[in-house]
């Protein structure tokens, strides 16, 4: 499924934070420096379609 999401017009590069609470009550926090830009779409598969790896990488 391809989703095109446009950030708000006032979005700026900088530190973004999230706090996630799991169903068991554990809380996780994450911080990441984000540079607002459009990313290229994903392409190619490894391994290719209907191919198998001989062993786990």
N, C-alpha and C. Protein backbone atom coordinates (compact mmCIF):
# COMPACT_ATOMS: atom_id res chain seq x y z
N UNK A 1 0.85 -1.17 0.00
CA UNK A 1 0.00 0.00 0.00
C UNK A 1 0.90 1.24 0.00
N UNK A 2 0.66 2.11 -0.91
CA UNK A 2 1.46 3.34 -1.01
C UNK A 2 0.69 4.49 -0.38
N UNK A 3 1.35 5.20 0.47
CA UNK A 3 0.72 6.35 1.12
C UNK A 3 1.57 7.58 0.87
N UNK A 4 0.95 8.61 0.35
CA UNK A 4 1.64 9.89 0.20
C UNK A 4 1.19 10.77 1.35
N UNK A 5 2.09 11.11 2.20
CA UNK A 5 1.76 11.97 3.32
C UNK A 5 2.56 13.25 3.21
N UNK A 6 1.86 14.34 3.23
CA UNK A 6 2.51 15.64 3.16
C UNK A 6 2.59 16.22 4.56
N UNK A 7 3.79 16.60 4.99
CA UNK A 7 3.89 17.19 6.33
C UNK A 7 3.19 18.56 6.36
N UNK A 8 2.79 19.00 7.52
CA UNK A 8 2.18 20.33 7.62
C UNK A 8 3.12 21.39 7.05
N UNK A 9 2.57 22.45 6.52
CA UNK A 9 3.36 23.51 5.89
C UNK A 9 4.37 24.12 6.86
N UNK A 10 4.06 24.12 8.16
CA UNK A 10 4.96 24.73 9.14
C UNK A 10 5.92 23.72 9.78
N UNK A 11 5.98 22.49 9.26
CA UNK A 11 6.89 21.48 9.81
C UNK A 11 8.33 21.93 9.62
N UNK A 12 9.15 21.71 10.63
CA UNK A 12 10.55 22.13 10.58
C UNK A 12 11.46 20.97 10.94
N UNK A 13 12.70 21.01 10.43
CA UNK A 13 13.70 20.05 10.87
C UNK A 13 13.89 20.21 12.37
N UNK A 14 14.17 19.11 13.05
CA UNK A 14 14.42 19.22 14.48
C UNK A 14 14.17 17.91 15.20
N UNK A 15 14.24 17.98 16.52
CA UNK A 15 14.04 16.81 17.38
C UNK A 15 12.55 16.56 17.57
N UNK A 16 12.15 15.32 17.33
CA UNK A 16 10.77 14.89 17.55
C UNK A 16 10.80 13.77 18.58
N UNK A 17 9.78 13.70 19.40
CA UNK A 17 9.74 12.70 20.46
C UNK A 17 8.40 11.99 20.45
N UNK A 18 8.43 10.73 20.89
CA UNK A 18 7.20 9.95 21.02
C UNK A 18 7.29 9.16 22.32
N UNK A 19 6.16 9.01 22.98
CA UNK A 19 6.06 8.15 24.16
C UNK A 19 4.98 7.13 23.85
N UNK A 20 5.35 5.85 23.90
CA UNK A 20 4.46 4.76 23.53
C UNK A 20 4.17 3.92 24.76
N UNK A 21 2.90 3.69 25.04
CA UNK A 21 2.50 2.83 26.15
C UNK A 21 1.95 1.53 25.57
N UNK A 22 2.57 0.41 25.93
CA UNK A 22 2.13 -0.89 25.46
C UNK A 22 0.95 -1.39 26.28
N UNK A 23 0.28 -2.41 25.78
CA UNK A 23 -0.88 -2.94 26.49
C UNK A 23 -0.53 -3.52 27.84
N UNK A 24 0.74 -3.93 28.04
CA UNK A 24 1.15 -4.45 29.35
C UNK A 24 1.57 -3.34 30.31
N UNK A 25 1.43 -2.09 29.89
CA UNK A 25 1.74 -0.96 30.75
C UNK A 25 3.15 -0.41 30.61
N UNK A 26 4.03 -1.11 29.90
CA UNK A 26 5.40 -0.63 29.71
C UNK A 26 5.37 0.62 28.84
N UNK A 27 6.21 1.57 29.20
CA UNK A 27 6.27 2.83 28.45
C UNK A 27 7.64 2.95 27.80
N UNK A 28 7.64 3.26 26.52
CA UNK A 28 8.88 3.45 25.77
C UNK A 28 8.90 4.87 25.24
N UNK A 29 10.07 5.48 25.28
CA UNK A 29 10.24 6.83 24.75
C UNK A 29 11.26 6.78 23.62
N UNK A 30 11.05 7.62 22.63
CA UNK A 30 11.98 7.67 21.51
C UNK A 30 12.16 9.13 21.11
N UNK A 31 13.38 9.48 20.73
CA UNK A 31 13.69 10.82 20.19
C UNK A 31 14.50 10.62 18.93
N UNK A 32 14.22 11.44 17.93
CA UNK A 32 14.95 11.31 16.68
C UNK A 32 15.02 12.69 16.03
N UNK A 33 16.17 13.00 15.46
CA UNK A 33 16.32 14.25 14.73
C UNK A 33 15.81 14.01 13.32
N UNK A 34 14.83 14.77 12.90
CA UNK A 34 14.17 14.58 11.61
C UNK A 34 14.49 15.74 10.68
N UNK A 35 14.89 15.41 9.47
CA UNK A 35 15.08 16.40 8.42
C UNK A 35 13.90 16.23 7.47
N UNK A 36 13.07 17.25 7.38
CA UNK A 36 11.86 17.18 6.57
C UNK A 36 12.25 17.19 5.09
N UNK A 37 11.97 16.08 4.40
CA UNK A 37 12.24 15.99 2.97
C UNK A 37 11.44 14.82 2.41
N UNK A 38 11.26 14.81 1.13
CA UNK A 38 10.54 13.72 0.48
C UNK A 38 11.53 12.60 0.20
N UNK A 39 11.15 11.36 0.57
CA UNK A 39 12.00 10.21 0.34
C UNK A 39 11.59 9.51 -0.94
N UNK A 40 12.56 8.90 -1.58
CA UNK A 40 12.26 8.11 -2.77
C UNK A 40 11.48 6.86 -2.36
N UNK A 41 10.65 6.37 -3.25
CA UNK A 41 9.88 5.16 -2.96
C UNK A 41 10.77 3.93 -2.90
N UNK A 42 10.32 2.92 -2.18
CA UNK A 42 11.06 1.67 -2.09
C UNK A 42 11.03 0.97 -3.44
N UNK A 43 12.08 0.24 -3.75
CA UNK A 43 12.10 -0.50 -5.01
C UNK A 43 12.94 -1.75 -4.85
N UNK A 44 12.64 -2.73 -5.66
CA UNK A 44 13.40 -3.97 -5.65
C UNK A 44 13.10 -4.82 -4.43
N UNK A 45 13.36 -6.08 -4.55
CA UNK A 45 13.19 -7.01 -3.45
C UNK A 45 14.46 -7.82 -3.30
N UNK A 46 14.79 -8.14 -2.08
CA UNK A 46 15.92 -9.03 -1.83
C UNK A 46 15.48 -10.07 -0.84
N UNK A 47 15.39 -11.31 -1.15
CA UNK A 47 15.63 -11.86 -2.48
C UNK A 47 14.50 -11.46 -3.43
N UNK A 48 14.70 -11.70 -4.72
CA UNK A 48 13.70 -11.38 -5.73
C UNK A 48 12.44 -12.22 -5.58
N UNK A 49 11.44 -11.91 -6.35
CA UNK A 49 10.16 -12.60 -6.30
C UNK A 49 10.34 -14.11 -6.53
N UNK A 50 9.79 -14.91 -5.65
CA UNK A 50 9.83 -16.38 -5.69
C UNK A 50 11.25 -16.95 -5.60
N UNK A 51 12.20 -16.18 -5.08
CA UNK A 51 13.54 -16.69 -4.84
C UNK A 51 13.70 -16.92 -3.34
N UNK A 52 14.55 -17.85 -3.00
CA UNK A 52 14.83 -18.14 -1.59
C UNK A 52 16.31 -18.00 -1.32
N UNK A 53 16.63 -17.59 -0.10
CA UNK A 53 18.04 -17.55 0.31
C UNK A 53 18.43 -18.97 0.72
N UNK A 54 19.68 -19.38 0.46
CA UNK A 54 20.10 -20.72 0.84
C UNK A 54 20.19 -20.89 2.36
N UNK A 55 20.42 -19.79 3.08
CA UNK A 55 20.52 -19.85 4.54
C UNK A 55 20.24 -18.45 5.08
N UNK A 56 19.88 -18.37 6.34
CA UNK A 56 19.66 -17.02 6.92
C UNK A 56 20.92 -16.19 6.79
N UNK A 57 20.74 -14.88 6.55
CA UNK A 57 21.94 -14.02 6.40
C UNK A 57 22.69 -13.87 7.71
